[in-house]
Amino acid sequence: MLEITIPVQIFLQVSIPLLIGWLLIRRYGTGNTDNLRIFLGGVISFAAAQAILLVLSQVIGGLGLPSIAGEWQGVATAVAFGLGVGILEELARFAVLQFWLRDVRSWAHGLMLGVGHGGAESVFSGGVGLIWFMTMSSLRAGPPAGQEITEAEKANLDQILASFWSTPWLTPLLSGVQQICMVLVSLGLATLVMRVFLTGKLVYLPAAMALHSLAAGSLVLLGQVGLVYSVAAAAGFAAIGLLIVYRFAQPPPAIASAPPLLAESDKTSPAKPTRPRKKGARKPRAKASAKTSEAAGTSEA
């Protein structure tokens, strides 16, 4: 069954982010000339954050810090990984918008940036999975032709192959679903970062960092218990990401609901013509004034 479920996992991880990007273009019309540039901006932000995280992990590992023993080691690993990923990736996303994509200031473009960022991680994981699957498939038939290996190497290779092909068939599918859920989380995180530029409020950046750190750390911690728990947590965070998109990634209500033609017609509509006064409108006043003058004359007489 792994021969079927692993290719399905790879197909989902590669195709779903591209499908989401295509749907965004069709639904919101973000501009064909800018779509590739914004998508690449998300890819670059992910790659830069991962490169910095790799360097920091090597530096911290070289310091020789004391390791945490016991059951707290898994918690410490999850917390460190979550904080590193959450802070660095959101800072990288913010830096791309601040210093490169300076003209990208719309909520629809923010969604495209999120697809590029989360999609890069999904496609990269799918590519690594494809290479590993092809390698295990070729080694399953035996070592490469003309290459001799020792008995120890053959025993080690047999152990690796046995461990790989004994993986439950449902595991690749669950891993693929988890990765797609994180792409949806990336949409919500990109929306929060874009809100920094749309509203001028910096508080959305640490909010994105906190949510990303909580999601990444929770997945690592629950993954140590079981993959099912990790996938369930990823689905929950995906729902939060979609809720953020629904709440914030929308046009302002006044702009979205006000018909522009109605406003223009109100401004350019001619004033209502006033009714002309009747010719005899002032005659009663004239009669009244004549009567008062006659009364004054009789009194004087």
C-alpha atoms as a PDB file:
ATOM      1  CA  MET A   1       0.000   0.000   0.000  1.00  0.00           C
ATOM      2  CA  LEU A   2       2.912   2.365   0.527  1.00  0.00           C
ATOM      3  CA  GLU A   3       3.526   2.236  -3.215  1.00  0.00           C
ATOM      4  CA  ILE A   4       0.155   4.010  -3.575  1.00  0.00           C
ATOM      5  CA  THR A   5      -0.162   6.214  -0.491  1.00  0.00           C
ATOM      6  CA  ILE A   6       3.289   7.803  -0.748  1.00  0.00           C
ATOM      7  CA  PRO A   7       2.759   9.051  -4.341  1.00  0.00           C
ATOM      8  CA  VAL A   8      -0.675  10.333  -3.281  1.00  0.00           C
ATOM      9  CA  GLN A   9       0.952  12.223  -0.404  1.00  0.00           C
ATOM     10  CA  ILE A  10       3.537  13.785  -2.725  1.00  0.00           C
ATOM     11  CA  PHE A  11       0.857  14.735  -5.250  1.00  0.00           C
ATOM     12  CA  LEU A  12      -1.225  16.475  -2.566  1.00  0.00           C
ATOM     13  CA  GLN A  13       1.732  18.379  -1.146  1.00  0.00           C
ATOM     14  CA  VAL A  14       2.749  19.703  -4.557  1.00  0.00           C
ATOM     15  CA  SER A  15      -0.609  20.281  -6.230  1.00  0.00           C
ATOM     16  CA  ILE A  16      -2.765  21.747  -3.440  1.00  0.00           C
ATOM     17  CA  PRO A  17      -0.702  24.947  -2.912  1.00  0.00           C
ATOM     18  CA  LEU A  18      -0.653  25.563  -6.662  1.00  0.00           C
ATOM     19  CA  LEU A  19      -4.403  24.963  -6.803  1.00  0.00           C
ATOM     20  CA  ILE A  20      -5.015  27.443  -3.986  1.00  0.00           C
ATOM     21  CA  GLY A  21      -2.931  30.063  -5.780  1.00  0.00           C
ATOM     22  CA  TRP A  22      -4.866  29.497  -9.004  1.00  0.00           C
ATOM     23  CA  LEU A  23      -8.184  29.821  -7.181  1.00  0.00           C
ATOM     24  CA  LEU A  24      -7.058  33.098  -5.612  1.00  0.00           C
ATOM     25  CA  ILE A  25      -6.225  34.486  -9.049  1.00  0.00           C
ATOM     26  CA  ARG A  26      -9.583  33.400 -10.457  1.00  0.00           C
ATOM     27  CA  ARG A  27     -11.581  34.623  -7.459  1.00  0.00           C
ATOM     28  CA  TYR A  28      -9.945  37.925  -6.617  1.00  0.00           C
ATOM     29  CA  GLY A  29      -8.039  38.819  -9.780  1.00  0.00           C
ATOM     30  CA  THR A  30      -4.843  39.823  -8.018  1.00  0.00           C
ATOM     31  CA  GLY A  31      -3.120  40.775 -11.261  1.00  0.00           C
ATOM     32  CA  ASN A  32      -1.286  38.339 -13.503  1.00  0.00           C
ATOM     33  CA  THR A  33       1.859  40.466 -13.694  1.00  0.00           C
ATOM     34  CA  ASP A  34       2.318  40.490  -9.922  1.00  0.00           C
ATOM     35  CA  ASN A  35       1.230  36.962  -9.010  1.00  0.00           C
ATOM     36  CA  LEU A  36       4.549  35.255  -9.738  1.00  0.00           C
ATOM     37  CA  ARG A  37       6.550  37.985  -7.998  1.00  0.00           C
ATOM     38  CA  ILE A  38       4.393  37.817  -4.863  1.00  0.00           C
ATOM     39  CA  PHE A  39       4.456  34.015  -4.831  1.00  0.00           C
ATOM     40  CA  LEU A  40       8.246  34.070  -5.129  1.00  0.00           C
ATOM     41  CA  GLY A  41       8.340  36.583  -2.290  1.00  0.00           C
ATOM     42  CA  GLY A  42       6.659  34.017  -0.067  1.00  0.00           C
ATOM     43  CA  VAL A  43       9.078  31.328  -1.228  1.00  0.00           C
ATOM     44  CA  ILE A  44      12.063  33.565  -0.497  1.00  0.00           C
ATOM     45  CA  SER A  45      10.769  34.456   2.956  1.00  0.00           C
ATOM     46  CA  PHE A  46      10.447  30.748   3.816  1.00  0.00           C
ATOM     47  CA  ALA A  47      13.889  29.884   2.438  1.00  0.00           C
ATOM     48  CA  ALA A  48      15.574  32.778   4.242  1.00  0.00           C
ATOM     49  CA  ALA A  49      13.960  31.852   7.562  1.00  0.00           C
ATOM     50  CA  GLN A  50      15.007  28.213   7.205  1.00  0.00           C
ATOM     51  CA  ALA A  51      18.596  29.186   6.359  1.00  0.00           C
ATOM     52  CA  ILE A  52      18.831  31.439   9.427  1.00  0.00           C
ATOM     53  CA  LEU A  53      17.239  28.755  11.596  1.00  0.00           C
ATOM     54  CA  LEU A  54      19.767  26.192  10.378  1.00  0.00           C
ATOM     55  CA  VAL A  55      22.698  28.496  11.161  1.00  0.00           C
ATOM     56  CA  LEU A  56      21.328  29.310  14.615  1.00  0.00           C
ATOM     57  CA  SER A  57      20.789  25.643  15.429  1.00  0.00           C
ATOM     58  CA  GLN A  58      24.393  24.869  14.491  1.00  0.00           C
ATOM     59  CA  VAL A  59      25.687  27.778  16.565  1.00  0.00           C
ATOM     60  CA  ILE A  60      23.605  26.796  19.578  1.00  0.00           C
ATOM     61  CA  GLY A  61      24.639  23.168  19.177  1.00  0.00           C
ATOM     62  CA  GLY A  62      28.290  24.211  19.071  1.00  0.00           C
ATOM     63  CA  LEU A  63      28.007  26.068  22.365  1.00  0.00           C
ATOM     64  CA  GLY A  64      27.757  22.787  24.233  1.00  0.00           C
ATOM     65  CA  LEU A  65      24.740  23.734  26.311  1.00  0.00           C
ATOM     66  CA  PRO A  66      23.640  21.158  28.870  1.00  0.00           C
ATOM     67  CA  SER A  67      20.892  18.905  27.548  1.00  0.00           C
ATOM     68  CA  ILE A  68      17.626  18.522  29.379  1.00  0.00           C
ATOM     69  CA  ALA A  69      17.094  14.945  30.464  1.00  0.00           C
ATOM     70  CA  GLY A  70      13.902  13.131  31.230  1.00  0.00           C
ATOM     71  CA  GLU A  71      10.394  13.828  30.023  1.00  0.00           C
ATOM     72  CA  TRP A  72      11.082  17.577  29.727  1.00  0.00           C
ATOM     73  CA  GLN A  73      13.448  17.097  26.813  1.00  0.00           C
ATOM     74  CA  GLY A  74      10.610  16.694  24.340  1.00  0.00           C
ATOM     75  CA  VAL A  75       8.861  19.774  25.724  1.00  0.00           C
ATOM     76  CA  ALA A  76      12.041  21.842  25.501  1.00  0.00           C
ATOM     77  CA  THR A  77      12.598  20.716  21.913  1.00  0.00           C
ATOM     78  CA  ALA A  78       9.036  21.636  20.948  1.00  0.00           C
ATOM     79  CA  VAL A  79       9.243  25.050  22.610  1.00  0.00           C
ATOM     80  CA  ALA A  80      12.630  25.883  21.045  1.00  0.00           C
ATOM     81  CA  PHE A  81      11.530  24.738  17.598  1.00  0.00           C
ATOM     82  CA  GLY A  82       8.208  26.560  17.835  1.00  0.00           C
ATOM     83  CA  LEU A  83       9.750  29.860  18.915  1.00  0.00           C
ATOM     84  CA  GLY A  84      12.506  29.666  16.300  1.00  0.00           C
ATOM     85  CA  VAL A  85      10.154  28.894  13.432  1.00  0.00           C
ATOM     86  CA  GLY A  86       7.423  31.305  14.505  1.00  0.00           C
ATOM     87  CA  ILE A  87       9.647  34.315  15.084  1.00  0.00           C
ATOM     88  CA  LEU A  88      12.036  33.858  12.155  1.00  0.00           C
ATOM     89  CA  GLU A  89       9.441  33.015   9.507  1.00  0.00           C
ATOM     90  CA  GLU A  90       7.137  35.909  10.394  1.00  0.00           C
ATOM     91  CA  LEU A  91      10.061  38.332  10.557  1.00  0.00           C
ATOM     92  CA  ALA A  92      11.155  37.106   7.125  1.00  0.00           C
ATOM     93  CA  ARG A  93       7.636  37.587   5.772  1.00  0.00           C
ATOM     94  CA  PHE A  94       7.530  41.091   7.243  1.00  0.00           C
ATOM     95  CA  ALA A  95      10.978  41.945   5.825  1.00  0.00           C
ATOM     96  CA  VAL A  96       9.961  40.850   2.310  1.00  0.00           C
ATOM     97  CA  LEU A  97       6.943  43.159   2.417  1.00  0.00           C
ATOM     98  CA  GLN A  98       8.898  46.006   3.967  1.00  0.00           C
ATOM     99  CA  PHE A  99      12.009  46.019   1.789  1.00  0.00           C
ATOM    100  CA  TRP A 100      11.109  44.254  -1.454  1.00  0.00           C
ATOM    101  CA  LEU A 101       7.377  44.065  -2.138  1.00  0.00           C
ATOM    102  CA  ARG A 102       6.810  47.668  -1.148  1.00  0.00           C
ATOM    103  CA  ASP A 103       3.948  48.095  -3.641  1.00  0.00           C
ATOM    104  CA  VAL A 104       2.054  45.030  -2.417  1.00  0.00           C
ATOM    105  CA  ARG A 105      -0.509  46.465  -0.047  1.00  0.00           C
ATOM    106  CA  SER A 106      -3.778  44.594  -0.465  1.00  0.00           C
ATOM    107  CA  TRP A 107      -5.366  41.749   1.450  1.00  0.00           C
ATOM    108  CA  ALA A 108      -5.654  39.600  -1.720  1.00  0.00           C
ATOM    109  CA  HIS A 109      -1.922  39.977  -2.385  1.00  0.00           C
ATOM    110  CA  GLY A 110      -1.307  39.015   1.246  1.00  0.00           C
ATOM    111  CA  LEU A 111      -3.101  35.732   0.627  1.00  0.00           C
ATOM    112  CA  MET A 112      -0.926  35.085  -2.419  1.00  0.00           C
ATOM    113  CA  LEU A 113       2.154  35.738  -0.275  1.00  0.00           C
ATOM    114  CA  GLY A 114       0.859  33.221   2.260  1.00  0.00           C
ATOM    115  CA  VAL A 115       0.379  30.599  -0.444  1.00  0.00           C
ATOM    116  CA  GLY A 116       3.949  31.148  -1.618  1.00  0.00           C
ATOM    117  CA  HIS A 117       5.343  30.838   1.918  1.00  0.00           C
ATOM    118  CA  GLY A 118       3.320  27.819   3.037  1.00  0.00           C
ATOM    119  CA  GLY A 119       3.396  26.283  -0.442  1.00  0.00           C
ATOM    120  CA  ALA A 120       7.185  26.402  -0.523  1.00  0.00           C
ATOM    121  CA  GLU A 121       7.332  24.293   2.629  1.00  0.00           C
ATOM    122  CA  SER A 122       4.770  21.851   1.258  1.00  0.00           C
ATOM    123  CA  VAL A 123       6.437  21.500  -2.151  1.00  0.00           C
ATOM    124  CA  PHE A 124       9.869  21.147  -0.537  1.00  0.00           C
ATOM    125  CA  SER A 125       8.601  18.373   1.754  1.00  0.00           C
ATOM    126  CA  GLY A 126       6.986  16.677  -1.217  1.00  0.00           C
ATOM    127  CA  GLY A 127      10.220  16.860  -3.201  1.00  0.00           C
ATOM    128  CA  VAL A 128      12.246  15.372  -0.360  1.00  0.00           C
ATOM    129  CA  GLY A 129       9.657  12.641   0.047  1.00  0.00           C
ATOM    130  CA  LEU A 130       9.808  11.864  -3.660  1.00  0.00           C
ATOM    131  CA  ILE A 131      13.605  11.547  -3.622  1.00  0.00           C
ATOM    132  CA  TRP A 132      13.506   9.344  -0.529  1.00  0.00           C
ATOM    133  CA  PHE A 133      10.771   7.141  -2.013  1.00  0.00           C
ATOM    134  CA  MET A 134      12.673   6.668  -5.269  1.00  0.00           C
ATOM    135  CA  THR A 135      15.856   5.867  -3.350  1.00  0.00           C
ATOM    136  CA  MET A 136      14.149   3.270  -1.154  1.00  0.00           C
ATOM    137  CA  SER A 137      12.452   1.741  -4.187  1.00  0.00           C
ATOM    138  CA  SER A 138      15.747   1.346  -6.027  1.00  0.00           C
ATOM    139  CA  LEU A 139      17.590  -0.052  -2.992  1.00  0.00           C
ATOM    140  CA  ARG A 140      14.759  -2.503  -2.412  1.00  0.00           C
ATOM    141  CA  ALA A 141      15.788  -4.283  -5.600  1.00  0.00           C
ATOM    142  CA  GLY A 142      19.351  -4.533  -4.351  1.00  0.00           C
ATOM    143  CA  PRO A 143      22.502  -2.408  -4.209  1.00  0.00           C
ATOM    144  CA  PRO A 144      23.583  -0.548  -7.330  1.00  0.00           C
ATOM    145  CA  ALA A 145      25.123  -2.734 -10.011  1.00  0.00           C
ATOM    146  CA  GLY A 146      28.856  -3.096  -9.719  1.00  0.00           C
ATOM    147  CA  GLN A 147      28.985  -1.779  -6.139  1.00  0.00           C
ATOM    148  CA  GLU A 148      30.155  -4.144  -3.440  1.00  0.00           C
ATOM    149  CA  ILE A 149      29.132  -3.610   0.167  1.00  0.00           C
ATOM    150  CA  THR A 150      30.329  -5.260   3.330  1.00  0.00           C
ATOM    151  CA  GLU A 151      28.208  -7.457   5.536  1.00  0.00           C
ATOM    152  CA  ALA A 152      27.863  -4.680   8.110  1.00  0.00           C
ATOM    153  CA  GLU A 153      26.722  -2.209   5.464  1.00  0.00           C
ATOM    154  CA  LYS A 154      24.277  -4.742   4.074  1.00  0.00           C
ATOM    155  CA  ALA A 155      22.828  -5.365   7.533  1.00  0.00           C
ATOM    156  CA  ASN A 156      22.455  -1.628   8.093  1.00  0.00           C
ATOM    157  CA  LEU A 157      20.814  -1.190   4.688  1.00  0.00           C
ATOM    158  CA  ASP A 158      18.401  -4.047   5.357  1.00  0.00           C
ATOM    159  CA  GLN A 159      17.431  -2.450   8.650  1.00  0.00           C
ATOM    160  CA  ILE A 160      16.736   0.892   6.966  1.00  0.00           C
ATOM    161  CA  LEU A 161      14.675  -0.734   4.234  1.00  0.00           C
ATOM    162  CA  ALA A 162      12.708  -2.797   6.735  1.00  0.00           C
ATOM    163  CA  SER A 163      11.962   0.294   8.810  1.00  0.00           C
ATOM    164  CA  PHE A 164      10.830   2.266   5.763  1.00  0.00           C
ATOM    165  CA  TRP A 165       8.605  -0.355   4.159  1.00  0.00           C
ATOM    166  CA  SER A 166       7.037  -1.350   7.476  1.00  0.00           C
ATOM    167  CA  THR A 167       5.559   2.125   7.909  1.00  0.00           C
ATOM    168  CA  PRO A 168       1.754   1.986   8.236  1.00  0.00           C
ATOM    169  CA  TRP A 169       0.133   2.827   4.917  1.00  0.00           C
ATOM    170  CA  LEU A 170      -2.008   5.558   6.493  1.00  0.00           C
ATOM    171  CA  THR A 171       1.003   7.509   7.789  1.00  0.00           C
ATOM    172  CA  PRO A 172       1.911   9.196   4.452  1.00  0.00           C
ATOM    173  CA  LEU A 173      -1.685  10.317   3.924  1.00  0.00           C
ATOM    174  CA  LEU A 174      -1.894  11.800   7.413  1.00  0.00           C
ATOM    175  CA  SER A 175       1.412  13.581   6.881  1.00  0.00           C
ATOM    176  CA  GLY A 176       0.142  15.039   3.617  1.00  0.00           C
ATOM    177  CA  VAL A 177      -3.064  16.272   5.258  1.00  0.00           C
ATOM    178  CA  GLN A 178      -1.033  17.878   8.036  1.00  0.00           C
ATOM    179  CA  GLN A 179       1.133  19.703   5.526  1.00  0.00           C
ATOM    180  CA  ILE A 180      -1.908  21.027   3.649  1.00  0.00           C
ATOM    181  CA  CYS A 181      -3.372  22.244   6.947  1.00  0.00           C
ATOM    182  CA  MET A 182      -0.206  24.236   7.572  1.00  0.00           C
ATOM    183  CA  VAL A 183      -0.620  25.907   4.172  1.00  0.00           C
ATOM    184  CA  LEU A 184      -4.031  27.119   5.350  1.00  0.00           C
ATOM    185  CA  VAL A 185      -2.443  28.342   8.580  1.00  0.00           C
ATOM    186  CA  SER A 186       0.049  30.291   6.472  1.00  0.00           C
ATOM    187  CA  LEU A 187      -2.856  32.128   4.801  1.00  0.00           C
ATOM    188  CA  GLY A 188      -4.022  33.413   8.164  1.00  0.00           C
ATOM    189  CA  LEU A 189      -0.505  34.343   9.271  1.00  0.00           C
ATOM    190  CA  ALA A 190       0.145  36.261   6.049  1.00  0.00           C
ATOM    191  CA  THR A 191      -3.142  38.097   6.565  1.00  0.00           C
ATOM    192  CA  LEU A 192      -2.029  39.217  10.022  1.00  0.00           C
ATOM    193  CA  VAL A 193       1.328  40.446   8.716  1.00  0.00           C
ATOM    194  CA  MET A 194      -0.343  42.301   5.862  1.00  0.00           C
ATOM    195  CA  ARG A 195      -2.597  44.009   8.407  1.00  0.00           C
ATOM    196  CA  VAL A 196       0.508  45.696   9.805  1.00  0.00           C
ATOM    197  CA  PHE A 197       0.893  47.617   6.547  1.00  0.00           C
ATOM    198  CA  LEU A 198      -2.805  48.148   5.891  1.00  0.00           C
ATOM    199  CA  THR A 199      -3.620  49.536   9.337  1.00  0.00           C
ATOM    200  CA  GLY A 200      -0.238  50.799  10.575  1.00  0.00           C
ATOM    201  CA  LYS A 201      -0.587  48.732  13.779  1.00  0.00           C
ATOM    202  CA  LEU A 202       2.527  46.714  14.604  1.00  0.00           C
ATOM    203  CA  VAL A 203       0.654  44.546  17.110  1.00  0.00           C
ATOM    204  CA  TYR A 204      -0.380  42.170  14.308  1.00  0.00           C
ATOM    205  CA  LEU A 205       3.249  41.064  13.811  1.00  0.00           C
ATOM    206  CA  PRO A 206       3.791  39.630  17.336  1.00  0.00           C
ATOM    207  CA  ALA A 207       0.301  38.133  17.098  1.00  0.00           C
ATOM    208  CA  ALA A 208       1.389  36.242  13.975  1.00  0.00           C
ATOM    209  CA  MET A 209       4.617  35.173  15.695  1.00  0.00           C
ATOM    210  CA  ALA A 210       2.731  33.871  18.735  1.00  0.00           C
ATOM    211  CA  LEU A 211       0.206  31.906  16.675  1.00  0.00           C
ATOM    212  CA  HIS A 212       2.897  30.422  14.431  1.00  0.00           C
ATOM    213  CA  SER A 213       5.064  29.452  17.395  1.00  0.00           C
ATOM    214  CA  LEU A 214       2.116  27.841  19.159  1.00  0.00           C
ATOM    215  CA  ALA A 215       1.157  25.877  16.045  1.00  0.00           C
ATOM    216  CA  ALA A 216       4.683  24.650  15.255  1.00  0.00           C
ATOM    217  CA  GLY A 217       5.485  23.760  18.857  1.00  0.00           C
ATOM    218  CA  SER A 218       2.177  21.941  19.360  1.00  0.00           C
ATOM    219  CA  LEU A 219       2.686  19.829  16.244  1.00  0.00           C
ATOM    220  CA  VAL A 220       6.171  18.779  17.366  1.00  0.00           C
ATOM    221  CA  LEU A 221       5.026  17.996  20.900  1.00  0.00           C
ATOM    222  CA  LEU A 222       1.916  16.071  19.882  1.00  0.00           C
ATOM    223  CA  GLY A 223       3.844  14.302  17.117  1.00  0.00           C
ATOM    224  CA  GLN A 224       5.890  12.635  19.837  1.00  0.00           C
ATOM    225  CA  VAL A 225       2.665  11.172  21.224  1.00  0.00           C
ATOM    226  CA  GLY A 226       1.106  10.139  17.926  1.00  0.00           C
ATOM    227  CA  LEU A 227       0.674  11.349  14.379  1.00  0.00           C
ATOM    228  CA  VAL A 228      -3.111  11.399  14.712  1.00  0.00           C
ATOM    229  CA  TYR A 229      -2.932  13.959  17.522  1.00  0.00           C
ATOM    230  CA  SER A 230      -0.555  16.102  15.505  1.00  0.00           C
ATOM    231  CA  VAL A 231      -2.857  16.041  12.467  1.00  0.00           C
ATOM    232  CA  ALA A 232      -5.865  16.925  14.640  1.00  0.00           C
ATOM    233  CA  ALA A 233      -3.980  19.906  16.053  1.00  0.00           C
ATOM    234  CA  ALA A 234      -2.969  20.990  12.549  1.00  0.00           C
ATOM    235  CA  ALA A 235      -6.623  20.856  11.463  1.00  0.00           C
ATOM    236  CA  GLY A 236      -7.575  23.023  14.429  1.00  0.00           C
ATOM    237  CA  PHE A 237      -4.947  25.628  13.607  1.00  0.00           C
ATOM    238  CA  ALA A 238      -6.028  25.507   9.943  1.00  0.00           C
ATOM    239  CA  ALA A 239      -9.536  26.418  11.072  1.00  0.00           C
ATOM    240  CA  ILE A 240      -8.091  29.346  13.030  1.00  0.00           C
ATOM    241  CA  GLY A 241      -6.160  30.457   9.945  1.00  0.00           C
ATOM    242  CA  LEU A 242      -9.283  30.383   7.783  1.00  0.00           C
ATOM    243  CA  LEU A 243     -11.185  32.273  10.477  1.00  0.00           C
ATOM    244  CA  ILE A 244      -8.526  34.993  10.419  1.00  0.00           C
ATOM    245  CA  VAL A 245      -8.837  35.199   6.638  1.00  0.00           C
ATOM    246  CA  TYR A 246     -12.613  35.480   6.898  1.00  0.00           C
ATOM    247  CA  ARG A 247     -12.361  38.122   9.612  1.00  0.00           C
ATOM    248  CA  PHE A 248      -9.559  40.353   8.338  1.00  0.00           C
ATOM    249  CA  ALA A 249      -8.865  39.586   4.680  1.00  0.00           C
ATOM    250  CA  GLN A 250     -11.938  41.407   3.419  1.00  0.00           C
ATOM    251  CA  PRO A 251     -12.511  44.828   1.864  1.00  0.00           C
ATOM    252  CA  PRO A 252     -13.770  47.508   4.259  1.00  0.00           C
ATOM    253  CA  PRO A 253     -17.561  47.219   4.639  1.00  0.00           C
ATOM    254  CA  ALA A 254     -18.205  50.743   3.344  1.00  0.00           C
ATOM    255  CA  ILE A 255     -16.237  50.089   0.166  1.00  0.00           C
ATOM    256  CA  ALA A 256     -17.618  46.622  -0.330  1.00  0.00           C
ATOM    257  CA  SER A 257     -21.300  47.530   0.118  1.00  0.00           C
ATOM    258  CA  ALA A 258     -21.594  51.071  -1.214  1.00  0.00           C
ATOM    259  CA  PRO A 259     -22.554  51.133  -4.912  1.00  0.00           C
ATOM    260  CA  PRO A 260     -20.192  53.639  -6.512  1.00  0.00           C
ATOM    261  CA  LEU A 261     -22.614  54.573  -9.278  1.00  0.00           C
ATOM    262  CA  LEU A 262     -25.237  55.543  -6.733  1.00  0.00           C
ATOM    263  CA  ALA A 263     -22.865  57.893  -4.987  1.00  0.00           C
ATOM    264  CA  GLU A 264     -21.887  59.506  -8.276  1.00  0.00           C
ATOM    265  CA  SER A 265     -25.503  59.889  -9.370  1.00  0.00           C
ATOM    266  CA  ASP A 266     -26.316  61.622  -6.112  1.00  0.00           C
ATOM    267  CA  LYS A 267     -23.551  64.122  -6.669  1.00  0.00           C
ATOM    268  CA  THR A 268     -24.370  64.853 -10.313  1.00  0.00           C
ATOM    269  CA  SER A 269     -28.186  64.722 -10.105  1.00  0.00           C
ATOM    270  CA  PRO A 270     -29.737  68.088 -11.020  1.00  0.00           C
ATOM    271  CA  ALA A 271     -31.592  70.024  -8.379  1.00  0.00           C
ATOM    272  CA  LYS A 272     -35.371  69.772  -8.394  1.00  0.00           C
ATOM    273  CA  PRO A 273     -36.965  72.740 -10.195  1.00  0.00           C
ATOM    274  CA  THR A 274     -38.930  75.074  -7.928  1.00  0.00           C
ATOM    275  CA  ARG A 275     -42.526  75.799  -8.736  1.00  0.00           C
ATOM    276  CA  PRO A 276     -43.168  79.321 -10.082  1.00  0.00           C
ATOM    277  CA  ARG A 277     -45.188  81.500  -7.796  1.00  0.00           C
ATOM    278  CA  LYS A 278     -48.697  82.407  -8.829  1.00  0.00           C
ATOM    279  CA  LYS A 279     -49.310  85.907 -10.105  1.00  0.00           C
ATOM    280  CA  GLY A 280     -51.976  86.675  -7.507  1.00  0.00           C
ATOM    281  CA  ALA A 281     -49.965  85.474  -4.587  1.00  0.00           C
ATOM    282  CA  ARG A 282     -49.328  89.013  -3.277  1.00  0.00           C
ATOM    283  CA  LYS A 283     -52.831  90.451  -3.938  1.00  0.00           C
ATOM    284  CA  PRO A 284     -54.278  89.656  -0.497  1.00  0.00           C
ATOM    285  CA  ARG A 285     -51.415  91.607   1.076  1.00  0.00           C
ATOM    286  CA  ALA A 286     -52.193  94.562  -1.225  1.00  0.00           C
ATOM    287  CA  LYS A 287     -55.899  94.555  -0.296  1.00  0.00           C
ATOM    288  CA  ALA A 288     -55.064  94.355   3.338  1.00  0.00           C
ATOM    289  CA  SER A 289     -52.743  97.335   3.059  1.00  0.00           C
ATOM    290  CA  ALA A 290     -55.471  99.322   1.213  1.00  0.00           C
ATOM    291  CA  LYS A 291     -58.022  98.592   3.891  1.00  0.00           C
ATOM    292  CA  THR A 292     -55.646  99.699   6.609  1.00  0.00           C
ATOM    293  CA  SER A 293     -54.945 102.970   4.795  1.00  0.00           C
ATOM    294  CA  GLU A 294     -58.689 103.709   4.387  1.00  0.00           C
ATOM    295  CA  ALA A 295     -59.273 103.016   8.045  1.00  0.00           C
ATOM    296  CA  ALA A 296     -56.508 105.397   8.941  1.00  0.00           C
ATOM    297  CA  GLY A 297     -58.047 108.129   6.734  1.00  0.00           C
ATOM    298  CA  THR A 298     -61.515 107.894   8.336  1.00  0.00           C
ATOM    299  CA  SER A 299     -60.015 108.069  11.799  1.00  0.00           C
ATOM    300  CA  GLU A 300     -58.191 111.274  10.944  1.00  0.00           C
ATOM    301  CA  ALA A 301     -61.387 112.798   9.604  1.00  0.00           C
END
